[in-house]
Amino acid sequence: MSMQEELHQFERNKVWHLVPRPSDRTIIGTRWLFRNKLDEHGNPTRNKARLVVQGYNQEERIDYDETFTSIARMEAIRILIAFASHMEFTLFQMDMKSAFLNGFLKE
């Protein structure tokens, strides 16, 4: 069920499409990660599945030039809250089920 939900999100967000395998490119595999979400008593409440890239198959300067991840640092969050308080902004918190980049990649 959770695998199907993840694949439906890919289709809804149009983040991938099937193409012929290029002979001059390295193919990087994927794998499924499964995790049980637990409640405060340690009982499973729901299952999660994520499709991730097997990054250990990549070679620097061949498959990628640089890597980064979008992680909010605690200092940035504190500055945001202080600025919002000073400007009397209302902040909202939202949990994302999936997030995708909006830009086009050249690779």
PDB file of N, CA and C in Angstrom:
ATOM      1  N   MET A   1       0.823  -1.196   0.000  1.00  0.00           N
ATOM      2  CA  MET A   1       0.000   0.000   0.000  1.00  0.00           C
ATOM      3  C   MET A   1       0.869   1.262   0.000  1.00  0.00           C
ATOM      4  N   SER A   2       1.856   1.338   0.880  1.00  0.00           N
ATOM      5  CA  SER A   2       2.675   2.543   0.952  1.00  0.00           C
ATOM      6  C   SER A   2       3.573   2.682  -0.278  1.00  0.00           C
ATOM      7  N   MET A   3       4.004   1.549  -0.873  1.00  0.00           N
ATOM      8  CA  MET A   3       4.784   1.615  -2.116  1.00  0.00           C
ATOM      9  C   MET A   3       3.928   2.200  -3.236  1.00  0.00           C
ATOM     10  N   GLN A   4       2.701   1.739  -3.334  1.00  0.00           N
ATOM     11  CA  GLN A   4       1.782   2.216  -4.362  1.00  0.00           C
ATOM     12  C   GLN A   4       1.519   3.710  -4.188  1.00  0.00           C
ATOM     13  N   GLU A   5       1.378   4.147  -2.940  1.00  0.00           N
ATOM     14  CA  GLU A   5       1.140   5.566  -2.646  1.00  0.00           C
ATOM     15  C   GLU A   5       2.327   6.421  -3.093  1.00  0.00           C
ATOM     16  N   GLU A   6       3.540   5.952  -2.845  1.00  0.00           N
ATOM     17  CA  GLU A   6       4.739   6.672  -3.262  1.00  0.00           C
ATOM     18  C   GLU A   6       4.814   6.763  -4.791  1.00  0.00           C
ATOM     19  N   LEU A   7       4.518   5.686  -5.480  1.00  0.00           N
ATOM     20  CA  LEU A   7       4.546   5.700  -6.944  1.00  0.00           C
ATOM     21  C   LEU A   7       3.461   6.617  -7.517  1.00  0.00           C
ATOM     22  N   HIS A   8       2.292   6.651  -6.884  1.00  0.00           N
ATOM     23  CA  HIS A   8       1.227   7.561  -7.334  1.00  0.00           C
ATOM     24  C   HIS A   8       1.647   9.021  -7.171  1.00  0.00           C
ATOM     25  N   GLN A   9       2.402   9.324  -6.111  1.00  0.00           N
ATOM     26  CA  GLN A   9       2.881  10.696  -5.933  1.00  0.00           C
ATOM     27  C   GLN A   9       3.821  11.084  -7.066  1.00  0.00           C
ATOM     28  N   PHE A  10       4.685  10.151  -7.496  1.00  0.00           N
ATOM     29  CA  PHE A  10       5.573  10.431  -8.622  1.00  0.00           C
ATOM     30  C   PHE A  10       4.756  10.755  -9.870  1.00  0.00           C
ATOM     31  N   GLU A  11       3.707   9.970 -10.115  1.00  0.00           N
ATOM     32  CA  GLU A  11       2.871  10.191 -11.298  1.00  0.00           C
ATOM     33  C   GLU A  11       2.110  11.509 -11.205  1.00  0.00           C
ATOM     34  N   ARG A  12       1.514  11.795 -10.042  1.00  0.00           N
ATOM     35  CA  ARG A  12       0.748  13.035  -9.860  1.00  0.00           C
ATOM     36  C   ARG A  12       1.626  14.270 -10.049  1.00  0.00           C
ATOM     37  N   ASN A  13       2.847  14.231  -9.513  1.00  0.00           N
ATOM     38  CA  ASN A  13       3.743  15.385  -9.577  1.00  0.00           C
ATOM     39  C   ASN A  13       4.561  15.428 -10.866  1.00  0.00           C
ATOM     40  N   LYS A  14       4.415  14.400 -11.716  1.00  0.00           N
ATOM     41  CA  LYS A  14       5.108  14.336 -13.007  1.00  0.00           C
ATOM     42  C   LYS A  14       6.606  14.566 -12.839  1.00  0.00           C
ATOM     43  N   VAL A  15       7.233  13.800 -11.931  1.00  0.00           N
ATOM     44  CA  VAL A  15       8.654  13.981 -11.649  1.00  0.00           C
ATOM     45  C   VAL A  15       9.539  13.001 -12.400  1.00  0.00           C
ATOM     46  N   TRP A  16       8.977  12.077 -13.151  1.00  0.00           N
ATOM     47  CA  TRP A  16       9.800  11.150 -13.917  1.00  0.00           C
ATOM     48  C   TRP A  16       9.019  10.617 -15.091  1.00  0.00           C
ATOM     49  N   HIS A  17       9.750  10.164 -16.099  1.00  0.00           N
ATOM     50  CA  HIS A  17       9.150   9.449 -17.223  1.00  0.00           C
ATOM     51  C   HIS A  17      10.176   8.435 -17.742  1.00  0.00           C
ATOM     52  N   LEU A  18       9.693   7.367 -18.291  1.00  0.00           N
ATOM     53  CA  LEU A  18      10.527   6.279 -18.759  1.00  0.00           C
ATOM     54  C   LEU A  18      11.173   6.637 -20.090  1.00  0.00           C
ATOM     55  N   VAL A  19      12.483   6.442 -20.176  1.00  0.00           N
ATOM     56  CA  VAL A  19      13.229   6.721 -21.404  1.00  0.00           C
ATOM     57  C   VAL A  19      14.087   5.506 -21.745  1.00  0.00           C
ATOM     58  N   PRO A  20      14.515   5.387 -22.998  1.00  0.00           N
ATOM     59  CA  PRO A  20      15.420   4.282 -23.351  1.00  0.00           C
ATOM     60  C   PRO A  20      16.756   4.433 -22.619  1.00  0.00           C
ATOM     61  N   ARG A  21      17.388   3.302 -22.307  1.00  0.00           N
ATOM     62  CA  ARG A  21      18.661   3.330 -21.597  1.00  0.00           C
ATOM     63  C   ARG A  21      19.768   3.844 -22.523  1.00  0.00           C
ATOM     64  N   PRO A  22      20.429   4.955 -22.153  1.00  0.00           N
ATOM     65  CA  PRO A  22      21.515   5.470 -22.985  1.00  0.00           C
ATOM     66  C   PRO A  22      22.771   4.610 -22.805  1.00  0.00           C
ATOM     67  N   SER A  23      23.455   4.321 -23.901  1.00  0.00           N
ATOM     68  CA  SER A  23      24.634   3.453 -23.822  1.00  0.00           C
ATOM     69  C   SER A  23      25.854   4.170 -23.257  1.00  0.00           C
ATOM     70  N   ASP A  24      25.881   5.505 -23.325  1.00  0.00           N
ATOM     71  CA  ASP A  24      27.051   6.258 -22.860  1.00  0.00           C
ATOM     72  C   ASP A  24      26.893   6.811 -21.441  1.00  0.00           C
ATOM     73  N   ARG A  25      25.899   6.360 -20.702  1.00  0.00           N
ATOM     74  CA  ARG A  25      25.652   6.848 -19.345  1.00  0.00           C
ATOM     75  C   ARG A  25      25.663   5.703 -18.345  1.00  0.00           C
ATOM     76  N   THR A  26      26.080   6.016 -17.119  1.00  0.00           N
ATOM     77  CA  THR A  26      26.047   5.040 -16.035  1.00  0.00           C
ATOM     78  C   THR A  26      24.637   4.998 -15.457  1.00  0.00           C
ATOM     79  N   ILE A  27      24.118   3.813 -15.272  1.00  0.00           N
ATOM     80  CA  ILE A  27      22.787   3.667 -14.693  1.00  0.00           C
ATOM     81  C   ILE A  27      22.930   3.512 -13.182  1.00  0.00           C
ATOM     82  N   ILE A  28      22.210   4.324 -12.439  1.00  0.00           N
ATOM     83  CA  ILE A  28      22.234   4.284 -10.977  1.00  0.00           C
ATOM     84  C   ILE A  28      20.936   3.640 -10.510  1.00  0.00           C
ATOM     85  N   GLY A  29      21.060   2.600  -9.723  1.00  0.00           N
ATOM     86  CA  GLY A  29      19.893   1.849  -9.278  1.00  0.00           C
ATOM     87  C   GLY A  29      19.126   2.530  -8.158  1.00  0.00           C
ATOM     88  N   THR A  30      18.011   1.947  -7.823  1.00  0.00           N
ATOM     89  CA  THR A  30      17.179   2.427  -6.710  1.00  0.00           C
ATOM     90  C   THR A  30      16.863   1.249  -5.798  1.00  0.00           C
ATOM     91  N   ARG A  31      16.373   1.562  -4.627  1.00  0.00           N
ATOM     92  CA  ARG A  31      15.919   0.532  -3.698  1.00  0.00           C
ATOM     93  C   ARG A  31      14.818   1.104  -2.826  1.00  0.00           C
ATOM     94  N   TRP A  32      13.995   0.239  -2.292  1.00  0.00           N
ATOM     95  CA  TRP A  32      12.903   0.643  -1.414  1.00  0.00           C
ATOM     96  C   TRP A  32      13.370   0.592   0.028  1.00  0.00           C
ATOM     97  N   LEU A  33      13.057   1.635   0.798  1.00  0.00           N
ATOM     98  CA  LEU A  33      13.287   1.658   2.241  1.00  0.00           C
ATOM     99  C   LEU A  33      11.928   1.583   2.926  1.00  0.00           C
ATOM    100  N   PHE A  34      11.791   0.678   3.865  1.00  0.00           N
ATOM    101  CA  PHE A  34      10.535   0.507   4.594  1.00  0.00           C
ATOM    102  C   PHE A  34      10.752   0.858   6.056  1.00  0.00           C
ATOM    103  N   ARG A  35       9.742   1.492   6.641  1.00  0.00           N
ATOM    104  CA  ARG A  35       9.840   1.900   8.038  1.00  0.00           C
ATOM    105  C   ARG A  35       8.455   1.879   8.665  1.00  0.00           C
ATOM    106  N   ASN A  36       8.377   1.415   9.894  1.00  0.00           N
ATOM    107  CA  ASN A  36       7.118   1.436  10.642  1.00  0.00           C
ATOM    108  C   ASN A  36       7.106   2.647  11.559  1.00  0.00           C
ATOM    109  N   LYS A  37       6.073   3.457  11.478  1.00  0.00           N
ATOM    110  CA  LYS A  37       5.900   4.573  12.399  1.00  0.00           C
ATOM    111  C   LYS A  37       5.252   4.028  13.667  1.00  0.00           C
ATOM    112  N   LEU A  38       5.797   4.404  14.826  1.00  0.00           N
ATOM    113  CA  LEU A  38       5.320   3.885  16.097  1.00  0.00           C
ATOM    114  C   LEU A  38       4.657   4.986  16.912  1.00  0.00           C
ATOM    115  N   ASP A  39       3.693   4.606  17.749  1.00  0.00           N
ATOM    116  CA  ASP A  39       3.083   5.567  18.659  1.00  0.00           C
ATOM    117  C   ASP A  39       3.916   5.637  19.939  1.00  0.00           C
ATOM    118  N   GLU A  40       3.448   6.381  20.932  1.00  0.00           N
ATOM    119  CA  GLU A  40       4.216   6.572  22.164  1.00  0.00           C
ATOM    120  C   GLU A  40       4.406   5.292  22.968  1.00  0.00           C
ATOM    121  N   HIS A  41       3.591   4.261  22.711  1.00  0.00           N
ATOM    122  CA  HIS A  41       3.703   2.981  23.414  1.00  0.00           C
ATOM    123  C   HIS A  41       4.526   1.968  22.633  1.00  0.00           C
ATOM    124  N   GLY A  42       5.031   2.341  21.473  1.00  0.00           N
ATOM    125  CA  GLY A  42       5.833   1.444  20.667  1.00  0.00           C
ATOM    126  C   GLY A  42       5.031   0.559  19.737  1.00  0.00           C
ATOM    127  N   ASN A  43       3.734   0.830  19.605  1.00  0.00           N
ATOM    128  CA  ASN A  43       2.890   0.048  18.705  1.00  0.00           C
ATOM    129  C   ASN A  43       2.938   0.650  17.301  1.00  0.00           C
ATOM    130  N   PRO A  44       3.020  -0.188  16.255  1.00  0.00           N
ATOM    131  CA  PRO A  44       3.046   0.358  14.893  1.00  0.00           C
ATOM    132  C   PRO A  44       1.723   1.034  14.541  1.00  0.00           C
ATOM    133  N   THR A  45       1.817   2.256  14.000  1.00  0.00           N
ATOM    134  CA  THR A  45       0.612   2.989  13.618  1.00  0.00           C
ATOM    135  C   THR A  45       0.423   3.009  12.101  1.00  0.00           C
ATOM    136  N   ARG A  46       1.535   3.057  11.344  1.00  0.00           N
ATOM    137  CA  ARG A  46       1.430   3.005   9.885  1.00  0.00           C
ATOM    138  C   ARG A  46       2.781   2.640   9.308  1.00  0.00           C
ATOM    139  N   ASN A  47       2.762   2.206   8.058  1.00  0.00           N
ATOM    140  CA  ASN A  47       3.978   1.831   7.353  1.00  0.00           C
ATOM    141  C   ASN A  47       4.349   2.917   6.359  1.00  0.00           C
ATOM    142  N   LYS A  48       5.650   3.146   6.197  1.00  0.00           N
ATOM    143  CA  LYS A  48       6.134   4.114   5.228  1.00  0.00           C
ATOM    144  C   LYS A  48       7.077   3.412   4.264  1.00  0.00           C
ATOM    145  N   ALA A  49       7.057   3.830   3.024  1.00  0.00           N
ATOM    146  CA  ALA A  49       7.970   3.309   2.018  1.00  0.00           C
ATOM    147  C   ALA A  49       8.525   4.488   1.230  1.00  0.00           C
ATOM    148  N   ARG A  50       9.820   4.454   0.957  1.00  0.00           N
ATOM    149  CA  ARG A  50      10.465   5.500   0.165  1.00  0.00           C
ATOM    150  C   ARG A  50      11.352   4.837  -0.880  1.00  0.00           C
ATOM    151  N   LEU A  51      11.293   5.352  -2.094  1.00  0.00           N
ATOM    152  CA  LEU A  51      12.165   4.900  -3.165  1.00  0.00           C
ATOM    153  C   LEU A  51      13.373   5.824  -3.181  1.00  0.00           C
ATOM    154  N   VAL A  52      14.563   5.276  -2.971  1.00  0.00           N
ATOM    155  CA  VAL A  52      15.776   6.087  -2.880  1.00  0.00           C
ATOM    156  C   VAL A  52      16.805   5.602  -3.889  1.00  0.00           C
ATOM    157  N   VAL A  53      17.732   6.482  -4.219  1.00  0.00           N
ATOM    158  CA  VAL A  53      18.792   6.177  -5.172  1.00  0.00           C
ATOM    159  C   VAL A  53      19.930   5.473  -4.442  1.00  0.00           C
ATOM    160  N   GLN A  54      20.533   4.494  -5.091  1.00  0.00           N
ATOM    161  CA  GLN A  54      21.705   3.822  -4.537  1.00  0.00           C
ATOM    162  C   GLN A  54      22.934   4.665  -4.884  1.00  0.00           C
ATOM    163  N   GLY A  55      23.154   5.693  -4.097  1.00  0.00           N
ATOM    164  CA  GLY A  55      24.217   6.654  -4.377  1.00  0.00           C
ATOM    165  C   GLY A  55      25.608   6.076  -4.308  1.00  0.00           C
ATOM    166  N   TYR A  56      25.782   4.946  -3.646  1.00  0.00           N
ATOM    167  CA  TYR A  56      27.119   4.366  -3.532  1.00  0.00           C
ATOM    168  C   TYR A  56      27.625   3.841  -4.871  1.00  0.00           C
ATOM    169  N   ASN A  57      26.779   3.770  -5.891  1.00  0.00           N
ATOM    170  CA  ASN A  57      27.217   3.349  -7.230  1.00  0.00           C
ATOM    171  C   ASN A  57      27.804   4.507  -8.033  1.00  0.00           C
ATOM    172  N   GLN A  58      27.712   5.721  -7.514  1.00  0.00           N
ATOM    173  CA  GLN A  58      28.171   6.892  -8.248  1.00  0.00           C
ATOM    174  C   GLN A  58      29.661   7.137  -8.027  1.00  0.00           C
ATOM    175  N   GLU A  59      30.304   7.744  -9.026  1.00  0.00           N
ATOM    176  CA  GLU A  59      31.701   8.126  -8.923  1.00  0.00           C
ATOM    177  C   GLU A  59      31.817   9.631  -9.113  1.00  0.00           C
ATOM    178  N   GLU A  60      32.539  10.283  -8.198  1.00  0.00           N
ATOM    179  CA  GLU A  60      32.720  11.727  -8.267  1.00  0.00           C
ATOM    180  C   GLU A  60      33.396  12.128  -9.578  1.00  0.00           C
ATOM    181  N   ARG A  61      32.945  13.238 -10.150  1.00  0.00           N
ATOM    182  CA  ARG A  61      33.405  13.796 -11.425  1.00  0.00           C
ATOM    183  C   ARG A  61      32.962  12.985 -12.635  1.00  0.00           C
ATOM    184  N   ILE A  62      32.322  11.843 -12.430  1.00  0.00           N
ATOM    185  CA  ILE A  62      31.762  11.075 -13.544  1.00  0.00           C
ATOM    186  C   ILE A  62      30.246  11.177 -13.507  1.00  0.00           C
ATOM    187  N   ASP A  63      29.646  10.805 -12.373  1.00  0.00           N
ATOM    188  CA  ASP A  63      28.194  10.832 -12.237  1.00  0.00           C
ATOM    189  C   ASP A  63      27.683  12.124 -11.602  1.00  0.00           C
ATOM    190  N   TYR A  64      28.545  12.848 -10.900  1.00  0.00           N
ATOM    191  CA  TYR A  64      28.116  14.096 -10.268  1.00  0.00           C
ATOM    192  C   TYR A  64      29.331  14.985 -10.027  1.00  0.00           C
ATOM    193  N   ASP A  65      29.070  16.285  -9.906  1.00  0.00           N
ATOM    194  CA  ASP A  65      30.139  17.242  -9.607  1.00  0.00           C
ATOM    195  C   ASP A  65      30.055  17.725  -8.172  1.00  0.00           C
ATOM    196  N   GLU A  66      28.847  17.956  -7.689  1.00  0.00           N
ATOM    197  CA  GLU A  66      28.678  18.448  -6.329  1.00  0.00           C
ATOM    198  C   GLU A  66      27.391  17.875  -5.757  1.00  0.00           C
ATOM    199  N   THR A  67      27.317  17.822  -4.443  1.00  0.00           N
ATOM    200  CA  THR A  67      26.115  17.327  -3.780  1.00  0.00           C
ATOM    201  C   THR A  67      25.670  18.339  -2.736  1.00  0.00           C
ATOM    202  N   PHE A  68      24.389  18.339  -2.459  1.00  0.00           N
ATOM    203  CA  PHE A  68      23.855  19.182  -1.404  1.00  0.00           C
ATOM    204  C   PHE A  68      22.521  18.614  -0.973  1.00  0.00           C
ATOM    205  N   THR A  69      22.095  19.020   0.181  1.00  0.00           N
ATOM    206  CA  THR A  69      20.778  18.645   0.672  1.00  0.00           C
ATOM    207  C   THR A  69      20.157  19.861   1.335  1.00  0.00           C
ATOM    208  N   SER A  70      18.889  20.010   1.193  1.00  0.00           N
ATOM    209  CA  SER A  70      18.216  21.177   1.762  1.00  0.00           C
ATOM    210  C   SER A  70      17.767  20.857   3.182  1.00  0.00           C
ATOM    211  N   ILE A  71      18.584  21.277   4.131  1.00  0.00           N
ATOM    212  CA  ILE A  71      18.283  21.073   5.544  1.00  0.00           C
ATOM    213  C   ILE A  71      18.268  22.440   6.211  1.00  0.00           C
ATOM    214  N   ALA A  72      17.220  22.708   6.959  1.00  0.00           N
ATOM    215  CA  ALA A  72      17.127  23.982   7.667  1.00  0.00           C
ATOM    216  C   ALA A  72      18.006  23.923   8.915  1.00  0.00           C
ATOM    217  N   ARG A  73      18.920  24.858   9.035  1.00  0.00           N
ATOM    218  CA  ARG A  73      19.774  24.916  10.224  1.00  0.00           C
ATOM    219  C   ARG A  73      19.011  25.605  11.339  1.00  0.00           C
ATOM    220  N   MET A  74      19.329  25.246  12.561  1.00  0.00           N
ATOM    221  CA  MET A  74      18.635  25.798  13.726  1.00  0.00           C
ATOM    222  C   MET A  74      18.776  27.322  13.780  1.00  0.00           C
ATOM    223  N   GLU A  75      19.949  27.845  13.400  1.00  0.00           N
ATOM    224  CA  GLU A  75      20.159  29.296  13.414  1.00  0.00           C
ATOM    225  C   GLU A  75      19.197  29.985  12.455  1.00  0.00           C
ATOM    226  N   ALA A  76      18.983  29.394  11.267  1.00  0.00           N
ATOM    227  CA  ALA A  76      18.085  29.982  10.274  1.00  0.00           C
ATOM    228  C   ALA A  76      16.648  29.974  10.780  1.00  0.00           C
ATOM    229  N   ILE A  77      16.258  28.917  11.453  1.00  0.00           N
ATOM    230  CA  ILE A  77      14.898  28.854  12.004  1.00  0.00           C
ATOM    231  C   ILE A  77      14.704  29.913  13.073  1.00  0.00           C
ATOM    232  N   ARG A  78      15.708  30.096  13.943  1.00  0.00           N
ATOM    233  CA  ARG A  78      15.621  31.122  14.995  1.00  0.00           C
ATOM    234  C   ARG A  78      15.519  32.520  14.398  1.00  0.00           C
ATOM    235  N   ILE A  79      16.303  32.783  13.348  1.00  0.00           N
ATOM    236  CA  ILE A  79      16.246  34.095  12.696  1.00  0.00           C
ATOM    237  C   ILE A  79      14.872  34.310  12.074  1.00  0.00           C
ATOM    238  N   LEU A  80      14.336  33.285  11.425  1.00  0.00           N
ATOM    239  CA  LEU A  80      13.000  33.389  10.826  1.00  0.00           C
ATOM    240  C   LEU A  80      11.950  33.715  11.888  1.00  0.00           C
ATOM    241  N   ILE A  81      11.991  33.013  13.013  1.00  0.00           N
ATOM    242  CA  ILE A  81      10.999  33.243  14.084  1.00  0.00           C
ATOM    243  C   ILE A  81      11.162  34.643  14.670  1.00  0.00           C
ATOM    244  N   ALA A  82      12.407  35.078  14.877  1.00  0.00           N
ATOM    245  CA  ALA A  82      12.641  36.419  15.419  1.00  0.00           C
ATOM    246  C   ALA A  82      12.140  37.490  14.452  1.00  0.00           C
ATOM    247  N   PHE A  83      12.432  37.323  13.162  1.00  0.00           N
ATOM    248  CA  PHE A  83      11.992  38.299  12.162  1.00  0.00           C
ATOM    249  C   PHE A  83      10.472  38.317  12.060  1.00  0.00           C
ATOM    250  N   ALA A  84       9.843  37.150  12.055  1.00  0.00           N
ATOM    251  CA  ALA A  84       8.386  37.075  11.978  1.00  0.00           C
ATOM    252  C   ALA A  84       7.748  37.729  13.198  1.00  0.00           C
ATOM    253  N   SER A  85       8.345  37.522  14.357  1.00  0.00           N
ATOM    254  CA  SER A  85       7.827  38.150  15.571  1.00  0.00           C
ATOM    255  C   SER A  85       7.960  39.672  15.493  1.00  0.00           C
ATOM    256  N   HIS A  86       9.113  40.140  15.038  1.00  0.00           N
ATOM    257  CA  HIS A  86       9.356  41.582  14.920  1.00  0.00           C
ATOM    258  C   HIS A  86       8.399  42.241  13.923  1.00  0.00           C
ATOM    259  N   MET A  87       8.145  41.554  12.808  1.00  0.00           N
ATOM    260  CA  MET A  87       7.263  42.099  11.774  1.00  0.00           C
ATOM    261  C   MET A  87       5.792  41.739  12.009  1.00  0.00           C
ATOM    262  N   GLU A  88       5.515  41.015  13.096  1.00  0.00           N
ATOM    263  CA  GLU A  88       4.161  40.580  13.455  1.00  0.00           C
ATOM    264  C   GLU A  88       3.529  39.733  12.346  1.00  0.00           C
ATOM    265  N   PHE A  89       4.354  38.857  11.743  1.00  0.00           N
ATOM    266  CA  PHE A  89       3.864  37.899  10.752  1.00  0.00           C
ATOM    267  C   PHE A  89       3.273  36.694  11.476  1.00  0.00           C
ATOM    268  N   THR A  90       2.359  36.021  10.824  1.00  0.00           N
ATOM    269  CA  THR A  90       1.838  34.757  11.321  1.00  0.00           C
ATOM    270  C   THR A  90       2.571  33.632  10.604  1.00  0.00           C
ATOM    271  N   LEU A  91       3.154  32.707  11.370  1.00  0.00           N
ATOM    272  CA  LEU A  91       3.848  31.564  10.795  1.00  0.00           C
ATOM    273  C   LEU A  91       2.960  30.332  10.868  1.00  0.00           C
ATOM    274  N   PHE A  92       3.042  29.511   9.841  1.00  0.00           N
ATOM    275  CA  PHE A  92       2.321  28.245   9.810  1.00  0.00           C
ATOM    276  C   PHE A  92       3.326  27.118   9.634  1.00  0.00           C
ATOM    277  N   GLN A  93       3.059  25.986  10.240  1.00  0.00           N
ATOM    278  CA  GLN A  93       3.901  24.801  10.092  1.00  0.00           C
ATOM    279  C   GLN A  93       3.132  23.776   9.294  1.00  0.00           C
ATOM    280  N   MET A  94       3.823  23.107   8.347  1.00  0.00           N
ATOM    281  CA  MET A  94       3.148  22.132   7.509  1.00  0.00           C
ATOM    282  C   MET A  94       4.080  20.944   7.301  1.00  0.00           C
ATOM    283  N   ASP A  95       3.566  19.747   7.432  1.00  0.00           N
ATOM    284  CA  ASP A  95       4.322  18.540   7.139  1.00  0.00           C
ATOM    285  C   ASP A  95       4.113  18.189   5.673  1.00  0.00           C
ATOM    286  N   MET A  96       5.214  17.961   4.981  1.00  0.00           N
ATOM    287  CA  MET A  96       5.149  17.599   3.564  1.00  0.00           C
ATOM    288  C   MET A  96       5.228  16.085   3.430  1.00  0.00           C
ATOM    289  N   LYS A  97       4.349  15.533   2.649  1.00  0.00           N
ATOM    290  CA  LYS A  97       4.424  14.101   2.386  1.00  0.00           C
ATOM    291  C   LYS A  97       5.531  13.811   1.383  1.00  0.00           C
ATOM    292  N   SER A  98       5.689  14.690   0.424  1.00  0.00           N
ATOM    293  CA  SER A  98       6.791  14.571  -0.538  1.00  0.00           C
ATOM    294  C   SER A  98       7.127  15.961  -1.048  1.00  0.00           C
ATOM    295  N   ALA A  99       8.397  16.177  -1.341  1.00  0.00           N
ATOM    296  CA  ALA A  99       8.842  17.468  -1.866  1.00  0.00           C
ATOM    297  C   ALA A  99       9.744  17.201  -3.057  1.00  0.00           C
ATOM    298  N   PHE A 100       9.586  17.995  -4.090  1.00  0.00           N
ATOM    299  CA  PHE A 100      10.369  17.823  -5.307  1.00  0.00           C
ATOM    300  C   PHE A 100      10.925  19.160  -5.746  1.00  0.00           C
ATOM    301  N   LEU A 101      12.054  19.124  -6.420  1.00  0.00           N
ATOM    302  CA  LEU A 101      12.662  20.331  -6.968  1.00  0.00           C
ATOM    303  C   LEU A 101      11.832  20.823  -8.140  1.00  0.00           C
ATOM    304  N   ASN A 102      11.729  22.125  -8.299  1.00  0.00           N
ATOM    305  CA  ASN A 102      10.964  22.697  -9.394  1.00  0.00           C
ATOM    306  C   ASN A 102      11.830  23.064 -10.574  1.00  0.00           C
ATOM    307  N   GLY A 103      13.147  23.136 -10.392  1.00  0.00           N
ATOM    308  CA  GLY A 103      14.032  23.536 -11.468  1.00  0.00           C
ATOM    309  C   GLY A 103      14.368  22.401 -12.405  1.00  0.00           C
ATOM    310  N   PHE A 104      14.828  22.758 -13.597  1.00  0.00           N
ATOM    311  CA  PHE A 104      15.238  21.760 -14.580  1.00  0.00           C
ATOM    312  C   PHE A 104      16.727  21.467 -14.411  1.00  0.00           C
ATOM    313  N   LEU A 105      17.108  20.226 -14.507  1.00  0.00           N
ATOM    314  CA  LEU A 105      18.503  19.826 -14.386  1.00  0.00           C
ATOM    315  C   LEU A 105      19.114  19.682 -15.764  1.00  0.00           C
ATOM    316  N   LYS A 106      20.380  20.048 -15.905  1.00  0.00           N
ATOM    317  CA  LYS A 106      21.086  19.928 -17.177  1.00  0.00           C
ATOM    318  C   LYS A 106      21.613  18.515 -17.387  1.00  0.00           C
ATOM    319  N   GLU A 107      21.809  17.769 -16.300  1.00  0.00           N
ATOM    320  CA  GLU A 107      22.391  16.435 -16.393  1.00  0.00           C
ATOM    321  C   GLU A 107      21.419  15.450 -16.974  1.00  0.00           C
TER     322      GLU A 107
END
